[in-house]
Amino acid sequence: MLSERGVLADHTTIYRSVQKYGPELDKRIRWYRQTSPVFADSWRVDET
C-alpha cells in the first residue's frame, strides 16, 4: 500500500511503528468501548 504511493518503507519501520503506537491505540479503544455501549460489540481497524 505504501509502495503504491511511492513511499519506501522497510518492514522493520512498520514493525517499530506498531510496537510504539499499538499500546496507545489499545488503551484508547478499550476506554472508548467502556464508555460507548453502542460500539462495544465489534471493532475493525484499517491500515489507513
N, C-alpha and C. Protein backbone atom coordinates (compact mmCIF):
# COMPACT_ATOMS: atom_id res chain seq x y z
N MET A 1 0.82 -1.18 0.00
CA MET A 1 0.00 0.00 0.00
C MET A 1 0.88 1.25 0.00
N LEU A 2 1.93 1.24 0.75
CA LEU A 2 2.83 2.40 0.75
C LEU A 2 3.58 2.52 -0.57
N SER A 3 4.00 1.38 -1.12
CA SER A 3 4.75 1.43 -2.37
C SER A 3 3.89 1.94 -3.53
N GLU A 4 2.58 1.71 -3.46
CA GLU A 4 1.69 2.25 -4.49
C GLU A 4 1.72 3.77 -4.51
N ARG A 5 2.03 4.36 -3.36
CA ARG A 5 2.07 5.81 -3.24
C ARG A 5 3.49 6.36 -3.36
N GLY A 6 4.43 5.49 -3.67
CA GLY A 6 5.80 5.92 -3.85
C GLY A 6 6.58 6.08 -2.56
N VAL A 7 6.08 5.51 -1.47
CA VAL A 7 6.76 5.61 -0.18
C VAL A 7 7.58 4.34 0.03
N LEU A 8 8.86 4.51 0.29
CA LEU A 8 9.72 3.38 0.58
C LEU A 8 9.78 3.18 2.09
N ALA A 9 9.37 1.99 2.54
CA ALA A 9 9.40 1.69 3.97
C ALA A 9 9.82 0.24 4.15
N ASP A 10 10.76 0.03 5.02
CA ASP A 10 11.22 -1.31 5.34
C ASP A 10 10.25 -1.95 6.33
N HIS A 11 10.19 -3.28 6.35
CA HIS A 11 9.27 -3.95 7.26
C HIS A 11 9.59 -3.66 8.72
N THR A 12 10.85 -3.41 9.03
CA THR A 12 11.19 -3.10 10.42
C THR A 12 10.67 -1.73 10.83
N THR A 13 10.56 -0.80 9.90
CA THR A 13 10.00 0.51 10.20
C THR A 13 8.53 0.38 10.59
N ILE A 14 7.81 -0.42 9.84
CA ILE A 14 6.39 -0.64 10.15
C ILE A 14 6.26 -1.38 11.48
N TYR A 15 7.10 -2.37 11.70
CA TYR A 15 7.08 -3.12 12.96
C TYR A 15 7.32 -2.20 14.15
N ARG A 16 8.28 -1.31 14.03
CA ARG A 16 8.57 -0.38 15.12
C ARG A 16 7.40 0.56 15.38
N SER A 17 6.73 0.98 14.32
CA SER A 17 5.56 1.85 14.49
C SER A 17 4.45 1.12 15.23
N VAL A 18 4.24 -0.14 14.89
CA VAL A 18 3.22 -0.94 15.58
C VAL A 18 3.59 -1.10 17.05
N GLN A 19 4.85 -1.38 17.32
CA GLN A 19 5.30 -1.54 18.70
C GLN A 19 5.16 -0.24 19.49
N LYS A 20 5.37 0.89 18.84
CA LYS A 20 5.32 2.18 19.52
C LYS A 20 3.88 2.64 19.76
N TYR A 21 3.04 2.55 18.73
CA TYR A 21 1.69 3.12 18.82
C TYR A 21 0.61 2.10 19.17
N GLY A 22 0.91 0.82 19.08
CA GLY A 22 -0.07 -0.22 19.38
C GLY A 22 -0.63 -0.14 20.79
N PRO A 23 0.21 -0.03 21.82
CA PRO A 23 -0.32 0.05 23.18
C PRO A 23 -1.22 1.27 23.41
N GLU A 24 -0.88 2.40 22.83
CA GLU A 24 -1.71 3.60 22.97
C GLU A 24 -3.05 3.41 22.27
N LEU A 25 -3.03 2.82 21.09
CA LEU A 25 -4.27 2.54 20.37
C LEU A 25 -5.14 1.57 21.17
N ASP A 26 -4.54 0.55 21.74
CA ASP A 26 -5.27 -0.41 22.56
C ASP A 26 -5.91 0.28 23.76
N LYS A 27 -5.16 1.15 24.42
CA LYS A 27 -5.68 1.86 25.59
C LYS A 27 -6.87 2.74 25.22
N ARG A 28 -6.76 3.45 24.12
CA ARG A 28 -7.86 4.34 23.70
C ARG A 28 -9.08 3.55 23.26
N ILE A 29 -8.88 2.45 22.56
CA ILE A 29 -10.01 1.64 22.12
C ILE A 29 -10.73 1.05 23.33
N ARG A 30 -9.97 0.55 24.30
CA ARG A 30 -10.60 -0.03 25.49
C ARG A 30 -11.41 1.02 26.25
N TRP A 31 -10.89 2.24 26.36
CA TRP A 31 -11.62 3.31 27.04
C TRP A 31 -12.91 3.62 26.29
N TYR A 32 -12.82 3.72 24.98
CA TYR A 32 -13.99 4.06 24.18
C TYR A 32 -15.04 2.97 24.26
N ARG A 33 -14.62 1.73 24.24
CA ARG A 33 -15.58 0.62 24.32
C ARG A 33 -16.28 0.60 25.66
N GLN A 34 -15.63 1.02 26.72
CA GLN A 34 -16.26 1.04 28.04
C GLN A 34 -17.28 2.17 28.14
N THR A 35 -17.03 3.28 27.48
CA THR A 35 -17.91 4.45 27.61
C THR A 35 -19.00 4.49 26.56
N SER A 36 -18.91 3.68 25.51
CA SER A 36 -19.89 3.73 24.43
C SER A 36 -20.41 2.32 24.14
N PRO A 37 -21.51 1.93 24.79
CA PRO A 37 -22.03 0.56 24.60
C PRO A 37 -22.55 0.30 23.19
N VAL A 38 -22.85 1.35 22.43
CA VAL A 38 -23.36 1.17 21.07
C VAL A 38 -22.32 0.50 20.19
N PHE A 39 -21.05 0.85 20.34
CA PHE A 39 -19.99 0.33 19.50
C PHE A 39 -19.16 -0.75 20.20
N ALA A 40 -19.65 -1.28 21.29
CA ALA A 40 -18.87 -2.23 22.07
C ALA A 40 -18.87 -3.64 21.48
N ASP A 41 -19.74 -3.93 20.53
CA ASP A 41 -19.86 -5.29 20.03
C ASP A 41 -18.71 -5.70 19.11
N SER A 42 -18.32 -4.85 18.17
CA SER A 42 -17.24 -5.23 17.25
C SER A 42 -16.45 -4.01 16.82
N TRP A 43 -15.16 -4.26 16.52
CA TRP A 43 -14.26 -3.21 16.06
C TRP A 43 -13.46 -3.74 14.89
N ARG A 44 -13.22 -2.87 13.93
CA ARG A 44 -12.36 -3.20 12.80
C ARG A 44 -11.35 -2.07 12.62
N VAL A 45 -10.10 -2.44 12.45
CA VAL A 45 -9.05 -1.44 12.27
C VAL A 45 -8.51 -1.57 10.86
N ASP A 46 -8.47 -0.46 10.15
CA ASP A 46 -7.95 -0.43 8.79
C ASP A 46 -6.52 0.11 8.84
N GLU A 47 -5.71 -0.24 7.89
CA GLU A 47 -4.32 0.21 7.90
C GLU A 47 -4.13 1.61 7.38
N THR A 48 -5.20 2.32 7.06
CA THR A 48 -5.07 3.70 6.59
C THR A 48 -5.07 4.67 7.73
